[in-house]
């Protein structure tokens, strides 16, 4: 894809990217086997492992977890009321969309206790091994401490496009808005009314400004990380992209990411006729 050549001009030391559709890889850039810190893109992998645990019956979406009245579903959707980085509840359950890394640590602990194995091992057995993601692992807190490669995350994105790890019904629920109407902040992009989220997956909806492209389908879902990483899936185009860098997210990435993503989807649209 010609649009990927723009990555050579990005103000980063290293960048790897892959664009794919349900028919396969459309283009790539850089060393796709280089290992990067994922930061909050970790949450996509963790959420998928939790969903596998739901499929296996180890936990349920309505299993109590976190503050009183909260469930696994509330934690996945950042609707539990937990603070960003502590176990303190700063709002009532399903009152606000409070982005919480601490909530994902609670999720990991919940699955760990239910499954009887360390969560990092569960993530490997439930997600990484079945998809052949041999370079991916969790090396600390479940909210932000995974490492992976663009090649591995391409396998993950392909599964999001055509689910195998979880049932189509659960995959659809995970990537549609949960607890609709909740306002909240997207880190780095301000407050959105509403701030739509699925079960671990941010939903683009009509958010602006945003790290995805203005032309993306409102159903587009994914996540970005403060390590300078992101993954999106546009179900209306049956397309996805993985971009990993080694420069922390900041002013350099806005509006660069959004503009770059726009060129990607325009090229995809043009090739589709």
C-alpha atoms as a PDB file:
ATOM      1  CA  UNK A   1       0.000   0.000   0.000  1.00  0.00           C
ATOM      2  CA  UNK A   2       1.414   3.365  -1.062  1.00  0.00           C
ATOM      3  CA  UNK A   3      -0.009   5.112   1.997  1.00  0.00           C
ATOM      4  CA  UNK A   4       2.304   3.129   4.282  1.00  0.00           C
ATOM      5  CA  UNK A   5       5.328   4.937   2.846  1.00  0.00           C
ATOM      6  CA  UNK A   6       4.394   7.981   4.949  1.00  0.00           C
ATOM      7  CA  UNK A   7       5.620   6.096   8.006  1.00  0.00           C
ATOM      8  CA  UNK A   8       9.187   6.700   6.853  1.00  0.00           C
ATOM      9  CA  UNK A   9       8.662  10.379   7.667  1.00  0.00           C
ATOM     10  CA  UNK A  10       7.291   9.868  11.167  1.00  0.00           C
ATOM     11  CA  UNK A  11       9.399  11.393  13.988  1.00  0.00           C
ATOM     12  CA  UNK A  12      10.175   8.017  15.562  1.00  0.00           C
ATOM     13  CA  UNK A  13      13.233   5.804  15.683  1.00  0.00           C
ATOM     14  CA  UNK A  14      11.360   2.634  14.793  1.00  0.00           C
ATOM     15  CA  UNK A  15       7.909   1.872  13.421  1.00  0.00           C
ATOM     16  CA  UNK A  16       6.253  -1.282  12.166  1.00  0.00           C
ATOM     17  CA  UNK A  17       2.804  -1.494  10.621  1.00  0.00           C
ATOM     18  CA  UNK A  18       0.478  -3.904   8.887  1.00  0.00           C
ATOM     19  CA  UNK A  19      -2.827  -3.305   7.108  1.00  0.00           C
ATOM     20  CA  UNK A  20      -5.056  -6.308   6.530  1.00  0.00           C
ATOM     21  CA  UNK A  21      -8.523  -7.304   5.422  1.00  0.00           C
ATOM     22  CA  UNK A  22     -10.441 -10.539   5.781  1.00  0.00           C
ATOM     23  CA  UNK A  23      -8.712 -11.613   2.566  1.00  0.00           C
ATOM     24  CA  UNK A  24      -5.211 -11.228   4.015  1.00  0.00           C
ATOM     25  CA  UNK A  25      -2.399  -8.725   4.444  1.00  0.00           C
ATOM     26  CA  UNK A  26      -2.669  -5.700   2.156  1.00  0.00           C
ATOM     27  CA  UNK A  27       0.640  -4.089   3.071  1.00  0.00           C
ATOM     28  CA  UNK A  28       3.326  -3.791   5.722  1.00  0.00           C
ATOM     29  CA  UNK A  29       6.117  -1.455   6.756  1.00  0.00           C
ATOM     30  CA  UNK A  30       9.240  -1.900   8.851  1.00  0.00           C
ATOM     31  CA  UNK A  31      10.452  -4.876  10.845  1.00  0.00           C
ATOM     32  CA  UNK A  32       7.211  -6.608  11.776  1.00  0.00           C
ATOM     33  CA  UNK A  33       9.101  -8.995  14.065  1.00  0.00           C
ATOM     34  CA  UNK A  34      10.582  -6.259  16.251  1.00  0.00           C
ATOM     35  CA  UNK A  35       9.219  -6.420  19.813  1.00  0.00           C
ATOM     36  CA  UNK A  36       7.523  -3.267  21.141  1.00  0.00           C
ATOM     37  CA  UNK A  37       6.000  -2.260  24.436  1.00  0.00           C
ATOM     38  CA  UNK A  38       2.243  -2.140  23.873  1.00  0.00           C
ATOM     39  CA  UNK A  39       1.146   0.015  26.821  1.00  0.00           C
ATOM     40  CA  UNK A  40      -2.667   0.111  26.807  1.00  0.00           C
ATOM     41  CA  UNK A  41      -3.016  -1.924  23.626  1.00  0.00           C
ATOM     42  CA  UNK A  42      -2.372  -4.637  26.220  1.00  0.00           C
ATOM     43  CA  UNK A  43      -5.997  -4.203  27.256  1.00  0.00           C
ATOM     44  CA  UNK A  44      -7.209  -5.693  23.970  1.00  0.00           C
ATOM     45  CA  UNK A  45      -5.303  -8.907  24.626  1.00  0.00           C
ATOM     46  CA  UNK A  46      -6.407  -9.038  28.239  1.00  0.00           C
ATOM     47  CA  UNK A  47     -10.031  -8.394  27.323  1.00  0.00           C
ATOM     48  CA  UNK A  48      -9.927 -11.198  24.777  1.00  0.00           C
ATOM     49  CA  UNK A  49      -8.518 -13.582  27.399  1.00  0.00           C
ATOM     50  CA  UNK A  50     -11.336 -12.603  29.760  1.00  0.00           C
ATOM     51  CA  UNK A  51     -13.861 -13.279  27.002  1.00  0.00           C
ATOM     52  CA  UNK A  52     -12.340 -16.721  26.461  1.00  0.00           C
ATOM     53  CA  UNK A  53     -12.756 -17.295  30.203  1.00  0.00           C
ATOM     54  CA  UNK A  54     -16.419 -16.359  29.789  1.00  0.00           C
ATOM     55  CA  UNK A  55     -16.778 -18.828  26.926  1.00  0.00           C
ATOM     56  CA  UNK A  56     -15.145 -21.542  29.018  1.00  0.00           C
ATOM     57  CA  UNK A  57     -17.406 -20.815  31.979  1.00  0.00           C
ATOM     58  CA  UNK A  58     -14.598 -19.848  34.337  1.00  0.00           C
ATOM     59  CA  UNK A  59     -16.298 -16.485  34.869  1.00  0.00           C
ATOM     60  CA  UNK A  60     -19.447 -14.811  33.567  1.00  0.00           C
ATOM     61  CA  UNK A  61     -19.993 -11.265  32.387  1.00  0.00           C
ATOM     62  CA  UNK A  62     -22.223 -10.761  35.433  1.00  0.00           C
ATOM     63  CA  UNK A  63     -19.693 -12.242  37.888  1.00  0.00           C
ATOM     64  CA  UNK A  64     -19.219  -9.694  40.706  1.00  0.00           C
ATOM     65  CA  UNK A  65     -15.805  -8.033  40.507  1.00  0.00           C
ATOM     66  CA  UNK A  66     -14.393  -4.735  41.676  1.00  0.00           C
ATOM     67  CA  UNK A  67     -16.431  -2.302  43.792  1.00  0.00           C
ATOM     68  CA  UNK A  68     -19.788  -3.392  45.256  1.00  0.00           C
ATOM     69  CA  UNK A  69     -22.365  -3.768  42.490  1.00  0.00           C
ATOM     70  CA  UNK A  70     -19.777  -4.008  39.698  1.00  0.00           C
ATOM     71  CA  UNK A  71     -19.263  -7.006  37.447  1.00  0.00           C
ATOM     72  CA  UNK A  72     -16.756  -8.345  34.944  1.00  0.00           C
ATOM     73  CA  UNK A  73     -18.712  -6.534  32.231  1.00  0.00           C
ATOM     74  CA  UNK A  74     -18.518  -3.211  34.082  1.00  0.00           C
ATOM     75  CA  UNK A  75     -14.754  -3.566  34.462  1.00  0.00           C
ATOM     76  CA  UNK A  76     -14.249  -4.436  30.798  1.00  0.00           C
ATOM     77  CA  UNK A  77     -16.344  -1.430  29.752  1.00  0.00           C
ATOM     78  CA  UNK A  78     -14.685   1.042  32.163  1.00  0.00           C
ATOM     79  CA  UNK A  79     -18.041   1.479  33.887  1.00  0.00           C
ATOM     80  CA  UNK A  80     -17.169   0.119  37.348  1.00  0.00           C
ATOM     81  CA  UNK A  81     -16.390   3.508  38.880  1.00  0.00           C
ATOM     82  CA  UNK A  82     -12.808   2.535  39.735  1.00  0.00           C
ATOM     83  CA  UNK A  83     -10.133   5.202  39.494  1.00  0.00           C
ATOM     84  CA  UNK A  84      -7.546   5.101  36.736  1.00  0.00           C
ATOM     85  CA  UNK A  85      -4.696   3.723  38.822  1.00  0.00           C
ATOM     86  CA  UNK A  86      -6.092   2.598  42.171  1.00  0.00           C
ATOM     87  CA  UNK A  87      -8.756   0.418  43.720  1.00  0.00           C
ATOM     88  CA  UNK A  88     -10.613   3.516  44.924  1.00  0.00           C
ATOM     89  CA  UNK A  89     -14.140   3.924  43.589  1.00  0.00           C
ATOM     90  CA  UNK A  90     -14.554   7.519  42.411  1.00  0.00           C
ATOM     91  CA  UNK A  91     -18.044   7.123  40.936  1.00  0.00           C
ATOM     92  CA  UNK A  92     -20.995   4.804  41.220  1.00  0.00           C
ATOM     93  CA  UNK A  93     -21.294   1.738  39.034  1.00  0.00           C
ATOM     94  CA  UNK A  94     -22.424   2.617  35.476  1.00  0.00           C
ATOM     95  CA  UNK A  95     -22.569   6.328  36.269  1.00  0.00           C
ATOM     96  CA  UNK A  96     -19.538   7.452  34.245  1.00  0.00           C
ATOM     97  CA  UNK A  97     -17.029   6.006  31.793  1.00  0.00           C
ATOM     98  CA  UNK A  98     -13.902   6.236  33.936  1.00  0.00           C
ATOM     99  CA  UNK A  99     -10.931   4.782  32.083  1.00  0.00           C
ATOM    100  CA  UNK A 100      -9.319   2.432  34.599  1.00  0.00           C
ATOM    101  CA  UNK A 101      -6.106   0.450  34.238  1.00  0.00           C
ATOM    102  CA  UNK A 102      -6.655  -0.711  37.797  1.00  0.00           C
ATOM    103  CA  UNK A 103      -9.890  -2.309  36.656  1.00  0.00           C
ATOM    104  CA  UNK A 104      -7.972  -4.562  34.277  1.00  0.00           C
ATOM    105  CA  UNK A 105      -5.761  -5.687  37.139  1.00  0.00           C
ATOM    106  CA  UNK A 106      -8.941  -6.675  38.985  1.00  0.00           C
ATOM    107  CA  UNK A 107     -10.096  -8.561  35.891  1.00  0.00           C
ATOM    108  CA  UNK A 108      -6.817 -10.451  35.703  1.00  0.00           C
ATOM    109  CA  UNK A 109      -7.023 -11.364  39.370  1.00  0.00           C
ATOM    110  CA  UNK A 110     -10.631 -12.508  38.958  1.00  0.00           C
ATOM    111  CA  UNK A 111      -9.760 -14.837  36.063  1.00  0.00           C
ATOM    112  CA  UNK A 112      -6.611 -16.027  37.809  1.00  0.00           C
ATOM    113  CA  UNK A 113      -8.557 -17.068  40.888  1.00  0.00           C
ATOM    114  CA  UNK A 114     -11.307 -18.709  38.841  1.00  0.00           C
ATOM    115  CA  UNK A 115      -8.968 -20.598  36.501  1.00  0.00           C
ATOM    116  CA  UNK A 116      -6.360 -21.499  39.096  1.00  0.00           C
ATOM    117  CA  UNK A 117      -3.367 -20.357  37.030  1.00  0.00           C
ATOM    118  CA  UNK A 118      -1.389 -17.135  36.761  1.00  0.00           C
ATOM    119  CA  UNK A 119      -3.143 -14.706  34.453  1.00  0.00           C
ATOM    120  CA  UNK A 120      -0.078 -14.252  32.221  1.00  0.00           C
ATOM    121  CA  UNK A 121      -0.141 -18.010  31.630  1.00  0.00           C
ATOM    122  CA  UNK A 122      -3.882 -17.937  31.001  1.00  0.00           C
ATOM    123  CA  UNK A 123      -3.424 -15.158  28.435  1.00  0.00           C
ATOM    124  CA  UNK A 124      -0.787 -17.225  26.688  1.00  0.00           C
ATOM    125  CA  UNK A 125      -2.919 -20.378  26.657  1.00  0.00           C
ATOM    126  CA  UNK A 126      -6.203 -18.652  25.769  1.00  0.00           C
ATOM    127  CA  UNK A 127      -5.045 -16.127  23.169  1.00  0.00           C
ATOM    128  CA  UNK A 128      -1.388 -16.199  22.199  1.00  0.00           C
ATOM    129  CA  UNK A 129      -0.794 -19.918  21.672  1.00  0.00           C
ATOM    130  CA  UNK A 130      -3.962 -20.593  19.640  1.00  0.00           C
ATOM    131  CA  UNK A 131      -3.161 -17.696  17.308  1.00  0.00           C
ATOM    132  CA  UNK A 132       0.550 -18.484  17.020  1.00  0.00           C
ATOM    133  CA  UNK A 133       1.586 -15.255  18.758  1.00  0.00           C
ATOM    134  CA  UNK A 134       4.902 -16.623  19.970  1.00  0.00           C
ATOM    135  CA  UNK A 135       6.563 -13.246  20.580  1.00  0.00           C
ATOM    136  CA  UNK A 136       3.756 -11.866  22.756  1.00  0.00           C
ATOM    137  CA  UNK A 137       3.577 -11.927  26.544  1.00  0.00           C
ATOM    138  CA  UNK A 138       2.415 -10.089  29.644  1.00  0.00           C
ATOM    139  CA  UNK A 139       5.279  -8.935  31.848  1.00  0.00           C
ATOM    140  CA  UNK A 140       3.552  -6.948  34.567  1.00  0.00           C
ATOM    141  CA  UNK A 141       0.190  -5.281  35.245  1.00  0.00           C
ATOM    142  CA  UNK A 142      -2.672  -6.392  33.021  1.00  0.00           C
ATOM    143  CA  UNK A 143      -3.555  -2.829  32.062  1.00  0.00           C
ATOM    144  CA  UNK A 144      -0.362  -1.948  30.233  1.00  0.00           C
ATOM    145  CA  UNK A 145       2.543  -4.394  30.438  1.00  0.00           C
ATOM    146  CA  UNK A 146       2.384  -6.629  27.361  1.00  0.00           C
ATOM    147  CA  UNK A 147       4.992  -6.755  24.634  1.00  0.00           C
ATOM    148  CA  UNK A 148       4.394  -7.915  21.093  1.00  0.00           C
ATOM    149  CA  UNK A 149       5.249  -7.523  17.436  1.00  0.00           C
ATOM    150  CA  UNK A 150       3.295  -6.226  14.475  1.00  0.00           C
ATOM    151  CA  UNK A 151       3.381  -9.739  13.033  1.00  0.00           C
ATOM    152  CA  UNK A 152       1.779 -11.206  16.157  1.00  0.00           C
ATOM    153  CA  UNK A 153      -0.823  -8.466  16.431  1.00  0.00           C
ATOM    154  CA  UNK A 154      -1.717  -9.023  12.789  1.00  0.00           C
ATOM    155  CA  UNK A 155      -2.751 -12.553  13.784  1.00  0.00           C
ATOM    156  CA  UNK A 156      -4.778 -11.080  16.622  1.00  0.00           C
ATOM    157  CA  UNK A 157      -6.437  -8.506  14.354  1.00  0.00           C
ATOM    158  CA  UNK A 158      -7.268 -11.239  11.835  1.00  0.00           C
ATOM    159  CA  UNK A 159      -9.109 -13.085  14.581  1.00  0.00           C
ATOM    160  CA  UNK A 160     -11.038  -9.935  15.434  1.00  0.00           C
ATOM    161  CA  UNK A 161     -12.089  -9.685  11.790  1.00  0.00           C
ATOM    162  CA  UNK A 162     -13.178 -13.340  11.660  1.00  0.00           C
ATOM    163  CA  UNK A 163     -13.555 -14.577  15.256  1.00  0.00           C
ATOM    164  CA  UNK A 164     -12.300 -18.018  16.198  1.00  0.00           C
ATOM    165  CA  UNK A 165     -11.289 -17.573  19.826  1.00  0.00           C
ATOM    166  CA  UNK A 166     -14.785 -16.609  20.944  1.00  0.00           C
ATOM    167  CA  UNK A 167     -18.240 -17.113  19.492  1.00  0.00           C
ATOM    168  CA  UNK A 168     -19.592 -14.639  16.937  1.00  0.00           C
ATOM    169  CA  UNK A 169     -22.274 -13.559  19.407  1.00  0.00           C
ATOM    170  CA  UNK A 170     -19.792 -12.767  22.174  1.00  0.00           C
ATOM    171  CA  UNK A 171     -17.437 -11.069  19.727  1.00  0.00           C
ATOM    172  CA  UNK A 172     -20.317  -8.901  18.518  1.00  0.00           C
ATOM    173  CA  UNK A 173     -21.271  -7.976  22.073  1.00  0.00           C
ATOM    174  CA  UNK A 174     -17.661  -7.115  22.914  1.00  0.00           C
ATOM    175  CA  UNK A 175     -17.377  -4.716  19.991  1.00  0.00           C
ATOM    176  CA  UNK A 176     -20.669  -2.885  20.434  1.00  0.00           C
ATOM    177  CA  UNK A 177     -21.482  -0.227  22.993  1.00  0.00           C
ATOM    178  CA  UNK A 178     -21.979  -1.464  26.542  1.00  0.00           C
ATOM    179  CA  UNK A 179     -23.788   0.678  29.134  1.00  0.00           C
ATOM    180  CA  UNK A 180     -24.646   3.313  26.506  1.00  0.00           C
ATOM    181  CA  UNK A 181     -24.878   7.004  27.254  1.00  0.00           C
ATOM    182  CA  UNK A 182     -21.947   7.237  29.680  1.00  0.00           C
ATOM    183  CA  UNK A 183     -19.725  10.302  29.394  1.00  0.00           C
ATOM    184  CA  UNK A 184     -15.998  10.143  30.021  1.00  0.00           C
ATOM    185  CA  UNK A 185     -12.473  10.936  28.919  1.00  0.00           C
ATOM    186  CA  UNK A 186     -10.353   9.245  26.280  1.00  0.00           C
ATOM    187  CA  UNK A 187      -6.769   9.751  27.542  1.00  0.00           C
ATOM    188  CA  UNK A 188      -5.085  12.426  25.458  1.00  0.00           C
ATOM    189  CA  UNK A 189      -8.272  13.293  23.548  1.00  0.00           C
ATOM    190  CA  UNK A 190     -10.491  14.908  26.151  1.00  0.00           C
ATOM    191  CA  UNK A 191     -14.061  14.342  27.244  1.00  0.00           C
ATOM    192  CA  UNK A 192     -16.648  12.768  24.984  1.00  0.00           C
ATOM    193  CA  UNK A 193     -20.407  12.790  25.420  1.00  0.00           C
ATOM    194  CA  UNK A 194     -20.949   9.891  25.208  1.00  0.00           C
ATOM    195  CA  UNK A 195     -17.669   8.009  25.511  1.00  0.00           C
ATOM    196  CA  UNK A 196     -18.685   4.708  23.963  1.00  0.00           C
ATOM    197  CA  UNK A 197     -16.887   1.498  24.869  1.00  0.00           C
ATOM    198  CA  UNK A 198     -17.457  -2.203  24.356  1.00  0.00           C
ATOM    199  CA  UNK A 199     -16.116  -5.070  26.449  1.00  0.00           C
ATOM    200  CA  UNK A 200     -12.484  -3.948  26.465  1.00  0.00           C
ATOM    201  CA  UNK A 201     -12.654  -2.362  23.010  1.00  0.00           C
ATOM    202  CA  UNK A 202     -13.007   1.371  22.521  1.00  0.00           C
ATOM    203  CA  UNK A 203     -15.796   2.152  20.036  1.00  0.00           C
ATOM    204  CA  UNK A 204     -15.155   5.111  17.748  1.00  0.00           C
ATOM    205  CA  UNK A 205     -18.782   6.238  17.347  1.00  0.00           C
ATOM    206  CA  UNK A 206     -18.763   9.975  16.551  1.00  0.00           C
ATOM    207  CA  UNK A 207     -15.833  11.009  18.747  1.00  0.00           C
ATOM    208  CA  UNK A 208     -13.828  14.040  17.679  1.00  0.00           C
ATOM    209  CA  UNK A 209     -10.953  14.624  18.050  1.00  0.00           C
ATOM    210  CA  UNK A 210      -9.878  11.020  17.957  1.00  0.00           C
ATOM    211  CA  UNK A 211      -6.914   8.817  17.084  1.00  0.00           C
ATOM    212  CA  UNK A 212      -8.828   6.961  14.366  1.00  0.00           C
ATOM    213  CA  UNK A 213      -9.722   8.589  11.033  1.00  0.00           C
ATOM    214  CA  UNK A 214     -12.657  10.964  10.502  1.00  0.00           C
ATOM    215  CA  UNK A 215     -13.795   8.644   7.723  1.00  0.00           C
ATOM    216  CA  UNK A 216     -13.767   5.496   9.794  1.00  0.00           C
ATOM    217  CA  UNK A 217     -17.042   3.716  10.359  1.00  0.00           C
ATOM    218  CA  UNK A 218     -18.618   4.660  13.709  1.00  0.00           C
ATOM    219  CA  UNK A 219     -18.470   0.930  14.458  1.00  0.00           C
ATOM    220  CA  UNK A 220     -14.666   0.973  14.295  1.00  0.00           C
ATOM    221  CA  UNK A 221     -13.129  -0.443  17.458  1.00  0.00           C
ATOM    222  CA  UNK A 222      -9.677  -0.894  18.948  1.00  0.00           C
ATOM    223  CA  UNK A 223      -7.267   0.813  21.320  1.00  0.00           C
ATOM    224  CA  UNK A 224      -4.170   2.958  21.425  1.00  0.00           C
ATOM    225  CA  UNK A 225      -1.317   2.940  23.903  1.00  0.00           C
ATOM    226  CA  UNK A 226       0.853   5.586  25.479  1.00  0.00           C
ATOM    227  CA  UNK A 227       3.893   3.724  24.138  1.00  0.00           C
ATOM    228  CA  UNK A 228       2.985   5.067  20.687  1.00  0.00           C
ATOM    229  CA  UNK A 229       0.982   2.062  19.543  1.00  0.00           C
ATOM    230  CA  UNK A 230      -2.479   1.351  18.188  1.00  0.00           C
ATOM    231  CA  UNK A 231      -4.734  -1.249  16.606  1.00  0.00           C
ATOM    232  CA  UNK A 232      -8.064  -0.600  14.920  1.00  0.00           C
ATOM    233  CA  UNK A 233     -10.660  -2.752  13.203  1.00  0.00           C
ATOM    234  CA  UNK A 234     -13.235  -1.224  10.859  1.00  0.00           C
ATOM    235  CA  UNK A 235     -15.943  -3.887  10.507  1.00  0.00           C
ATOM    236  CA  UNK A 236     -17.754  -2.022   7.734  1.00  0.00           C
ATOM    237  CA  UNK A 237     -14.618  -2.255   5.592  1.00  0.00           C
ATOM    238  CA  UNK A 238     -13.618  -5.696   6.943  1.00  0.00           C
ATOM    239  CA  UNK A 239     -10.197  -4.127   7.481  1.00  0.00           C
ATOM    240  CA  UNK A 240      -7.747  -3.599  10.311  1.00  0.00           C
ATOM    241  CA  UNK A 241      -4.402  -1.936  10.992  1.00  0.00           C
ATOM    242  CA  UNK A 242      -1.609  -2.372  13.517  1.00  0.00           C
ATOM    243  CA  UNK A 243       0.936   0.412  14.077  1.00  0.00           C
ATOM    244  CA  UNK A 244       3.727   0.108  16.651  1.00  0.00           C
ATOM    245  CA  UNK A 245       6.365   2.751  17.422  1.00  0.00           C
ATOM    246  CA  UNK A 246       8.995   3.299  20.083  1.00  0.00           C
ATOM    247  CA  UNK A 247       8.110   6.932  20.779  1.00  0.00           C
ATOM    248  CA  UNK A 248       5.624   7.660  23.579  1.00  0.00           C
ATOM    249  CA  UNK A 249       2.292   9.122  22.524  1.00  0.00           C
ATOM    250  CA  UNK A 250       2.228  12.913  22.641  1.00  0.00           C
ATOM    251  CA  UNK A 251       1.659  16.027  20.574  1.00  0.00           C
ATOM    252  CA  UNK A 252       3.594  14.488  17.688  1.00  0.00           C
ATOM    253  CA  UNK A 253       0.891  11.860  17.263  1.00  0.00           C
ATOM    254  CA  UNK A 254      -1.997  14.308  17.013  1.00  0.00           C
ATOM    255  CA  UNK A 255      -3.232  14.821  14.314  1.00  0.00           C
ATOM    256  CA  UNK A 256      -0.623  12.614  12.581  1.00  0.00           C
ATOM    257  CA  UNK A 257      -2.296   9.321  13.508  1.00  0.00           C
ATOM    258  CA  UNK A 258      -5.736  10.455  12.420  1.00  0.00           C
ATOM    259  CA  UNK A 259      -4.458  11.824   9.105  1.00  0.00           C
ATOM    260  CA  UNK A 260      -2.463   8.681   8.396  1.00  0.00           C
ATOM    261  CA  UNK A 261      -5.423   6.445   9.191  1.00  0.00           C
ATOM    262  CA  UNK A 262      -7.526   8.516   6.799  1.00  0.00           C
ATOM    263  CA  UNK A 263      -5.068   7.863   3.961  1.00  0.00           C
ATOM    264  CA  UNK A 264      -5.209   4.140   4.737  1.00  0.00           C
ATOM    265  CA  UNK A 265      -8.975   3.888   4.527  1.00  0.00           C
ATOM    266  CA  UNK A 266      -9.109   6.088   1.410  1.00  0.00           C
ATOM    267  CA  UNK A 267      -6.657   3.749  -0.320  1.00  0.00           C
ATOM    268  CA  UNK A 268      -8.682   0.736   0.795  1.00  0.00           C
ATOM    269  CA  UNK A 269     -11.865   2.334  -0.485  1.00  0.00           C
ATOM    270  CA  UNK A 270     -10.268   3.212  -3.824  1.00  0.00           C
ATOM    271  CA  UNK A 271      -9.026  -0.330  -4.334  1.00  0.00           C
ATOM    272  CA  UNK A 272     -12.494  -1.661  -3.542  1.00  0.00           C
ATOM    273  CA  UNK A 273     -13.911   0.435  -6.360  1.00  0.00           C
END
